[in-house]
PDB file of N, CA and C in Angstrom:
ATOM      1  N   UNK A   1       0.847  -1.172   0.000  1.00  0.00           N
ATOM      2  CA  UNK A   1       0.000   0.000   0.000  1.00  0.00           C
ATOM      3  C   UNK A   1       0.896   1.239   0.000  1.00  0.00           C
ATOM      4  N   UNK A   2       0.491   2.249  -0.730  1.00  0.00           N
ATOM      5  CA  UNK A   2       1.248   3.487  -0.849  1.00  0.00           C
ATOM      6  C   UNK A   2       0.651   4.555   0.055  1.00  0.00           C
ATOM      7  N   UNK A   3       1.500   5.369   0.621  1.00  0.00           N
ATOM      8  CA  UNK A   3       1.067   6.507   1.423  1.00  0.00           C
ATOM      9  C   UNK A   3       1.323   7.769   0.615  1.00  0.00           C
ATOM     10  N   UNK A   4       0.329   8.666   0.599  1.00  0.00           N
ATOM     11  CA  UNK A   4       0.467   9.931  -0.117  1.00  0.00           C
ATOM     12  C   UNK A   4       0.344  11.075   0.888  1.00  0.00           C
ATOM     13  N   UNK A   5       1.076  12.133   0.633  1.00  0.00           N
ATOM     14  CA  UNK A   5       1.032  13.312   1.487  1.00  0.00           C
ATOM     15  C   UNK A   5       0.504  14.484   0.670  1.00  0.00           C
ATOM     16  N   UNK A   6      -0.406  15.264   1.284  1.00  0.00           N
ATOM     17  CA  UNK A   6      -0.940  16.456   0.631  1.00  0.00           C
ATOM     18  C   UNK A   6      -0.707  17.653   1.552  1.00  0.00           C
ATOM     19  N   UNK A   7      -0.470  18.780   0.963  1.00  0.00           N
ATOM     20  CA  UNK A   7      -0.279  20.005   1.739  1.00  0.00           C
ATOM     21  C   UNK A   7      -1.437  20.956   1.437  1.00  0.00           C
ATOM     22  N   UNK A   8      -2.001  21.517   2.506  1.00  0.00           N
ATOM     23  CA  UNK A   8      -3.099  22.471   2.397  1.00  0.00           C
ATOM     24  C   UNK A   8      -2.767  23.701   3.225  1.00  0.00           C
ATOM     25  N   UNK A   9      -3.236  24.843   2.781  1.00  0.00           N
ATOM     26  CA  UNK A   9      -3.183  26.019   3.638  1.00  0.00           C
ATOM     27  C   UNK A   9      -4.019  25.721   4.874  1.00  0.00           C
ATOM     28  N   UNK A  10      -3.647  26.318   5.992  1.00  0.00           N
ATOM     29  CA  UNK A  10      -4.329  26.034   7.251  1.00  0.00           C
ATOM     30  C   UNK A  10      -5.834  26.282   7.178  1.00  0.00           C
ATOM     31  N   UNK A  11      -6.237  27.361   6.508  1.00  0.00           N
ATOM     32  CA  UNK A  11      -7.666  27.672   6.440  1.00  0.00           C
ATOM     33  C   UNK A  11      -8.432  26.629   5.625  1.00  0.00           C
ATOM     34  N   UNK A  12      -7.825  26.110   4.578  1.00  0.00           N
ATOM     35  CA  UNK A  12      -8.475  25.070   3.773  1.00  0.00           C
ATOM     36  C   UNK A  12      -8.574  23.778   4.573  1.00  0.00           C
ATOM     37  N   UNK A  13      -7.496  23.419   5.261  1.00  0.00           N
ATOM     38  CA  UNK A  13      -7.532  22.192   6.064  1.00  0.00           C
ATOM     39  C   UNK A  13      -8.572  22.303   7.169  1.00  0.00           C
ATOM     40  N   UNK A  14      -8.724  23.473   7.750  1.00  0.00           N
ATOM     41  CA  UNK A  14      -9.750  23.672   8.785  1.00  0.00           C
ATOM     42  C   UNK A  14     -11.143  23.416   8.227  1.00  0.00           C
ATOM     43  N   UNK A  15     -11.370  23.853   7.002  1.00  0.00           N
ATOM     44  CA  UNK A  15     -12.664  23.617   6.359  1.00  0.00           C
ATOM     45  C   UNK A  15     -12.872  22.131   6.103  1.00  0.00           C
ATOM     46  N   UNK A  16     -11.838  21.457   5.642  1.00  0.00           N
ATOM     47  CA  UNK A  16     -11.921  20.014   5.395  1.00  0.00           C
ATOM     48  C   UNK A  16     -12.210  19.287   6.700  1.00  0.00           C
ATOM     49  N   UNK A  17     -11.479  19.640   7.739  1.00  0.00           N
ATOM     50  CA  UNK A  17     -11.654  18.999   9.046  1.00  0.00           C
ATOM     51  C   UNK A  17     -13.070  19.216   9.575  1.00  0.00           C
ATOM     52  N   UNK A  18     -13.569  20.423   9.462  1.00  0.00           N
ATOM     53  CA  UNK A  18     -14.920  20.739   9.930  1.00  0.00           C
ATOM     54  C   UNK A  18     -15.973  19.932   9.170  1.00  0.00           C
ATOM     55  N   UNK A  19     -15.826  19.856   7.875  1.00  0.00           N
ATOM     56  CA  UNK A  19     -16.785  19.110   7.057  1.00  0.00           C
ATOM     57  C   UNK A  19     -16.692  17.612   7.344  1.00  0.00           C
ATOM     58  N   UNK A  20     -15.491  17.110   7.509  1.00  0.00           N
ATOM     59  CA  UNK A  20     -15.310  15.698   7.840  1.00  0.00           C
ATOM     60  C   UNK A  20     -15.978  15.367   9.166  1.00  0.00           C
ATOM     61  N   UNK A  21     -15.762  16.210  10.170  1.00  0.00           N
ATOM     62  CA  UNK A  21     -16.375  15.989  11.480  1.00  0.00           C
ATOM     63  C   UNK A  21     -17.895  16.029  11.387  1.00  0.00           C
ATOM     64  N   UNK A  22     -18.427  16.919  10.559  1.00  0.00           N
ATOM     65  CA  UNK A  22     -19.875  16.997  10.360  1.00  0.00           C
ATOM     66  C   UNK A  22     -20.427  15.668   9.856  1.00  0.00           C
ATOM     67  N   UNK A  23     -19.645  14.994   9.007  1.00  0.00           N
ATOM     68  CA  UNK A  23     -20.066  13.710   8.445  1.00  0.00           C
ATOM     69  C   UNK A  23     -19.609  12.525   9.292  1.00  0.00           C
ATOM     70  N   UNK A  24     -19.010  12.801  10.434  1.00  0.00           N
ATOM     71  CA  UNK A  24     -18.577  11.737  11.325  1.00  0.00           C
ATOM     72  C   UNK A  24     -17.354  10.986  10.832  1.00  0.00           C
ATOM     73  N   UNK A  25     -16.508  11.672  10.083  1.00  0.00           N
ATOM     74  CA  UNK A  25     -15.326  11.046   9.508  1.00  0.00           C
ATOM     75  C   UNK A  25     -14.067  11.777   9.961  1.00  0.00           C
ATOM     76  N   UNK A  26     -12.956  11.098   9.848  1.00  0.00           N
ATOM     77  CA  UNK A  26     -11.677  11.775  10.034  1.00  0.00           C
ATOM     78  C   UNK A  26     -11.381  12.554   8.760  1.00  0.00           C
ATOM     79  N   UNK A  27     -10.547  13.584   8.855  1.00  0.00           N
ATOM     80  CA  UNK A  27     -10.174  14.300   7.629  1.00  0.00           C
ATOM     81  C   UNK A  27      -9.544  13.377   6.586  1.00  0.00           C
ATOM     82  N   UNK A  28      -8.736  12.422   7.027  1.00  0.00           N
ATOM     83  CA  UNK A  28      -8.097  11.493   6.090  1.00  0.00           C
ATOM     84  C   UNK A  28      -9.128  10.652   5.356  1.00  0.00           C
ATOM     85  N   UNK A  29     -10.091  10.103   6.094  1.00  0.00           N
ATOM     86  CA  UNK A  29     -11.139   9.283   5.463  1.00  0.00           C
ATOM     87  C   UNK A  29     -11.991  10.134   4.529  1.00  0.00           C
ATOM     88  N   UNK A  30     -12.301  11.347   4.948  1.00  0.00           N
ATOM     89  CA  UNK A  30     -13.100  12.246   4.117  1.00  0.00           C
ATOM     90  C   UNK A  30     -12.400  12.522   2.783  1.00  0.00           C
ATOM     91  N   UNK A  31     -11.099  12.842   2.851  1.00  0.00           N
ATOM     92  CA  UNK A  31     -10.352  13.134   1.622  1.00  0.00           C
ATOM     93  C   UNK A  31     -10.187  11.886   0.764  1.00  0.00           C
ATOM     94  N   UNK A  32      -9.947  10.744   1.395  1.00  0.00           N
ATOM     95  CA  UNK A  32      -9.823   9.497   0.642  1.00  0.00           C
ATOM     96  C   UNK A  32     -11.115   9.184  -0.099  1.00  0.00           C
ATOM     97  N   UNK A  33     -12.241   9.329   0.595  1.00  0.00           N
ATOM     98  CA  UNK A  33     -13.541   9.075  -0.049  1.00  0.00           C
ATOM     99  C   UNK A  33     -13.778  10.021  -1.220  1.00  0.00           C
ATOM    100  N   UNK A  34     -13.419  11.284  -1.050  1.00  0.00           N
ATOM    101  CA  UNK A  34     -13.609  12.267  -2.127  1.00  0.00           C
ATOM    102  C   UNK A  34     -12.775  11.894  -3.357  1.00  0.00           C
ATOM    103  N   UNK A  35     -11.545  11.478  -3.124  1.00  0.00           N
ATOM    104  CA  UNK A  35     -10.671  11.091  -4.241  1.00  0.00           C
ATOM    105  C   UNK A  35     -11.200   9.837  -4.925  1.00  0.00           C
ATOM    106  N   UNK A  36     -11.632   8.850  -4.133  1.00  0.00           N
ATOM    107  CA  UNK A  36     -12.146   7.610  -4.724  1.00  0.00           C
ATOM    108  C   UNK A  36     -13.435   7.844  -5.502  1.00  0.00           C
ATOM    109  N   UNK A  37     -14.301   8.737  -5.018  1.00  0.00           N
ATOM    110  CA  UNK A  37     -15.525   9.070  -5.759  1.00  0.00           C
ATOM    111  C   UNK A  37     -15.186   9.734  -7.083  1.00  0.00           C
ATOM    112  N   UNK A  38     -14.216  10.640  -7.070  1.00  0.00           N
ATOM    113  CA  UNK A  38     -13.794  11.316  -8.304  1.00  0.00           C
ATOM    114  C   UNK A  38     -13.215  10.309  -9.288  1.00  0.00           C
ATOM    115  N   UNK A  39     -12.403   9.396  -8.791  1.00  0.00           N
ATOM    116  CA  UNK A  39     -11.818   8.357  -9.639  1.00  0.00           C
ATOM    117  C   UNK A  39     -12.907   7.487 -10.255  1.00  0.00           C
ATOM    118  N   UNK A  40     -13.884   7.080  -9.454  1.00  0.00           N
ATOM    119  CA  UNK A  40     -14.978   6.251  -9.966  1.00  0.00           C
ATOM    120  C   UNK A  40     -15.773   6.992 -11.029  1.00  0.00           C
ATOM    121  N   UNK A  41     -16.050   8.282 -10.784  1.00  0.00           N
ATOM    122  CA  UNK A  41     -16.774   9.074 -11.779  1.00  0.00           C
ATOM    123  C   UNK A  41     -15.998   9.159 -13.092  1.00  0.00           C
ATOM    124  N   UNK A  42     -14.701   9.367 -13.004  1.00  0.00           N
ATOM    125  CA  UNK A  42     -13.873   9.471 -14.205  1.00  0.00           C
ATOM    126  C   UNK A  42     -13.840   8.154 -14.971  1.00  0.00           C
ATOM    127  N   UNK A  43     -13.699   7.047 -14.247  1.00  0.00           N
ATOM    128  CA  UNK A  43     -13.681   5.744 -14.915  1.00  0.00           C
ATOM    129  C   UNK A  43     -15.037   5.439 -15.559  1.00  0.00           C
ATOM    130  N   UNK A  44     -16.137   5.783 -14.885  1.00  0.00           N
ATOM    131  CA  UNK A  44     -17.469   5.601 -15.467  1.00  0.00           C
ATOM    132  C   UNK A  44     -17.620   6.426 -16.741  1.00  0.00           C
ATOM    133  N   UNK A  45     -17.137   7.661 -16.697  1.00  0.00           N
ATOM    134  CA  UNK A  45     -17.214   8.530 -17.871  1.00  0.00           C
ATOM    135  C   UNK A  45     -16.436   7.929 -19.041  1.00  0.00           C
ATOM    136  N   UNK A  46     -15.207   7.498 -18.769  1.00  0.00           N
ATOM    137  CA  UNK A  46     -14.378   6.909 -19.822  1.00  0.00           C
ATOM    138  C   UNK A  46     -15.027   5.655 -20.396  1.00  0.00           C
ATOM    139  N   UNK A  47     -15.614   4.838 -19.530  1.00  0.00           N
ATOM    140  CA  UNK A  47     -16.292   3.622 -19.990  1.00  0.00           C
ATOM    141  C   UNK A  47     -17.500   3.974 -20.863  1.00  0.00           C
ATOM    142  N   UNK A  48     -18.233   4.997 -20.459  1.00  0.00           N
ATOM    143  CA  UNK A  48     -19.386   5.428 -21.243  1.00  0.00           C
ATOM    144  C   UNK A  48     -19.000   5.965 -22.606  1.00  0.00           C
ATOM    145  N   UNK A  49     -17.956   6.768 -22.645  1.00  0.00           N
ATOM    146  CA  UNK A  49     -17.470   7.301 -23.923  1.00  0.00           C
ATOM    147  C   UNK A  49     -17.018   6.168 -24.830  1.00  0.00           C
ATOM    148  N   UNK A  50     -16.322   5.186 -24.269  1.00  0.00           N
ATOM    149  CA  UNK A  50     -15.862   4.044 -25.063  1.00  0.00           C
ATOM    150  C   UNK A  50     -17.049   3.256 -25.610  1.00  0.00           C
ATOM    151  N   UNK A  51     -18.038   2.994 -24.744  1.00  0.00           N
ATOM    152  CA  UNK A  51     -19.216   2.239 -25.184  1.00  0.00           C
ATOM    153  C   UNK A  51     -19.977   2.991 -26.265  1.00  0.00           C
ATOM    154  N   UNK A  52     -20.083   4.291 -26.111  1.00  0.00           N
ATOM    155  CA  UNK A  52     -20.786   5.097 -27.108  1.00  0.00           C
ATOM    156  C   UNK A  52     -20.042   5.089 -28.442  1.00  0.00           C
ATOM    157  N   UNK A  53     -18.734   5.181 -28.393  1.00  0.00           N
ATOM    158  CA  UNK A  53     -17.965   5.197 -29.642  1.00  0.00           C
ATOM    159  C   UNK A  53     -17.966   3.836 -30.336  1.00  0.00           C
ATOM    160  N   UNK A  54     -18.142   2.773 -29.582  1.00  0.00           N
ATOM    161  CA  UNK A  54     -18.148   1.423 -30.162  1.00  0.00           C
ATOM    162  C   UNK A  54     -19.538   0.996 -30.639  1.00  0.00           C
ATOM    163  N   UNK A  55     -20.547   1.758 -30.270  1.00  0.00           N
ATOM    164  CA  UNK A  55     -21.911   1.363 -30.645  1.00  0.00           C
ATOM    165  C   UNK A  55     -22.356   2.098 -31.900  1.00  0.00           C
ATOM    166  N   UNK A  56     -23.435   1.621 -32.446  1.00  0.00           N
ATOM    167  CA  UNK A  56     -24.030   2.283 -33.601  1.00  0.00           C
ATOM    168  C   UNK A  56     -25.217   3.141 -33.189  1.00  0.00           C
ATOM    169  N   UNK A  57     -25.302   3.427 -31.899  1.00  0.00           N
ATOM    170  CA  UNK A  57     -26.419   4.213 -31.380  1.00  0.00           C
ATOM    171  C   UNK A  57     -26.254   5.675 -31.755  1.00  0.00           C
ATOM    172  N   UNK A  58     -27.365   6.279 -32.097  1.00  0.00           N
ATOM    173  CA  UNK A  58     -27.308   7.709 -32.349  1.00  0.00           C
ATOM    174  C   UNK A  58     -27.603   8.439 -31.045  1.00  0.00           C
ATOM    175  N   UNK A  59     -27.082   9.646 -30.933  1.00  0.00           N
ATOM    176  CA  UNK A  59     -27.327  10.444 -29.740  1.00  0.00           C
ATOM    177  C   UNK A  59     -28.593  11.260 -29.925  1.00  0.00           C
ATOM    178  N   UNK A  60     -29.190  11.644 -28.812  1.00  0.00           N
ATOM    179  CA  UNK A  60     -30.416  12.441 -28.825  1.00  0.00           C
ATOM    180  C   UNK A  60     -30.155  13.675 -27.983  1.00  0.00           C
ATOM    181  N   UNK A  61     -30.544  14.832 -28.480  1.00  0.00           N
ATOM    182  CA  UNK A  61     -30.319  16.064 -27.742  1.00  0.00           C
ATOM    183  C   UNK A  61     -31.172  16.084 -26.476  1.00  0.00           C
ATOM    184  N   UNK A  62     -30.767  16.889 -25.535  1.00  0.00           N
ATOM    185  CA  UNK A  62     -31.515  17.028 -24.289  1.00  0.00           C
ATOM    186  C   UNK A  62     -32.938  17.510 -24.571  1.00  0.00           C
ATOM    187  N   UNK A  63     -33.041  18.462 -25.465  1.00  0.00           N
ATOM    188  CA  UNK A  63     -34.352  19.012 -25.800  1.00  0.00           C
ATOM    189  C   UNK A  63     -35.276  17.935 -26.368  1.00  0.00           C
ATOM    190  N   UNK A  64     -34.745  17.101 -27.255  1.00  0.00           N
ATOM    191  CA  UNK A  64     -35.536  16.032 -27.866  1.00  0.00           C
ATOM    192  C   UNK A  64     -35.961  15.019 -26.809  1.00  0.00           C
ATOM    193  N   UNK A  65     -35.053  14.687 -25.888  1.00  0.00           N
ATOM    194  CA  UNK A  65     -35.379  13.749 -24.833  1.00  0.00           C
ATOM    195  C   UNK A  65     -36.465  14.306 -23.909  1.00  0.00           C
ATOM    196  N   UNK A  66     -36.352  15.583 -23.577  1.00  0.00           N
ATOM    197  CA  UNK A  66     -37.364  16.221 -22.728  1.00  0.00           C
ATOM    198  C   UNK A  66     -38.725  16.191 -23.430  1.00  0.00           C
ATOM    199  N   UNK A  67     -38.704  16.426 -24.747  1.00  0.00           N
ATOM    200  CA  UNK A  67     -39.936  16.371 -25.543  1.00  0.00           C
ATOM    201  C   UNK A  67     -40.534  14.978 -25.503  1.00  0.00           C
ATOM    202  N   UNK A  68     -39.689  13.953 -25.677  1.00  0.00           N
ATOM    203  CA  UNK A  68     -40.160  12.563 -25.649  1.00  0.00           C
ATOM    204  C   UNK A  68     -40.766  12.184 -24.294  1.00  0.00           C
ATOM    205  N   UNK A  69     -40.202  12.765 -23.240  1.00  0.00           N
ATOM    206  CA  UNK A  69     -40.699  12.466 -21.891  1.00  0.00           C
ATOM    207  C   UNK A  69     -41.872  13.355 -21.480  1.00  0.00           C
ATOM    208  N   UNK A  70     -42.249  14.258 -22.370  1.00  0.00           N
ATOM    209  CA  UNK A  70     -43.387  15.132 -22.094  1.00  0.00           C
ATOM    210  C   UNK A  70     -43.070  16.199 -21.059  1.00  0.00           C
ATOM    211  N   UNK A  71     -41.836  16.616 -21.044  1.00  0.00           N
ATOM    212  CA  UNK A  71     -41.425  17.606 -20.053  1.00  0.00           C
ATOM    213  C   UNK A  71     -41.192  18.960 -20.671  1.00  0.00           C
TER     214      UNK A  71
END
């Protein structure tokens, strides 16, 4: 397992610590979760782009989709 070190200005770290405590987490766990969520989102995006490029599906504009859904 690798250990990573991050440096924050004191005021930013105070905000992170406060938010982590609000969620019942340590600052380390809070930051780790945030990084892992970002990583998962990025991998999902890349997978979606790959699937879209490999398919023969056509895209539909947001406006057209809203129209189809009666919105």
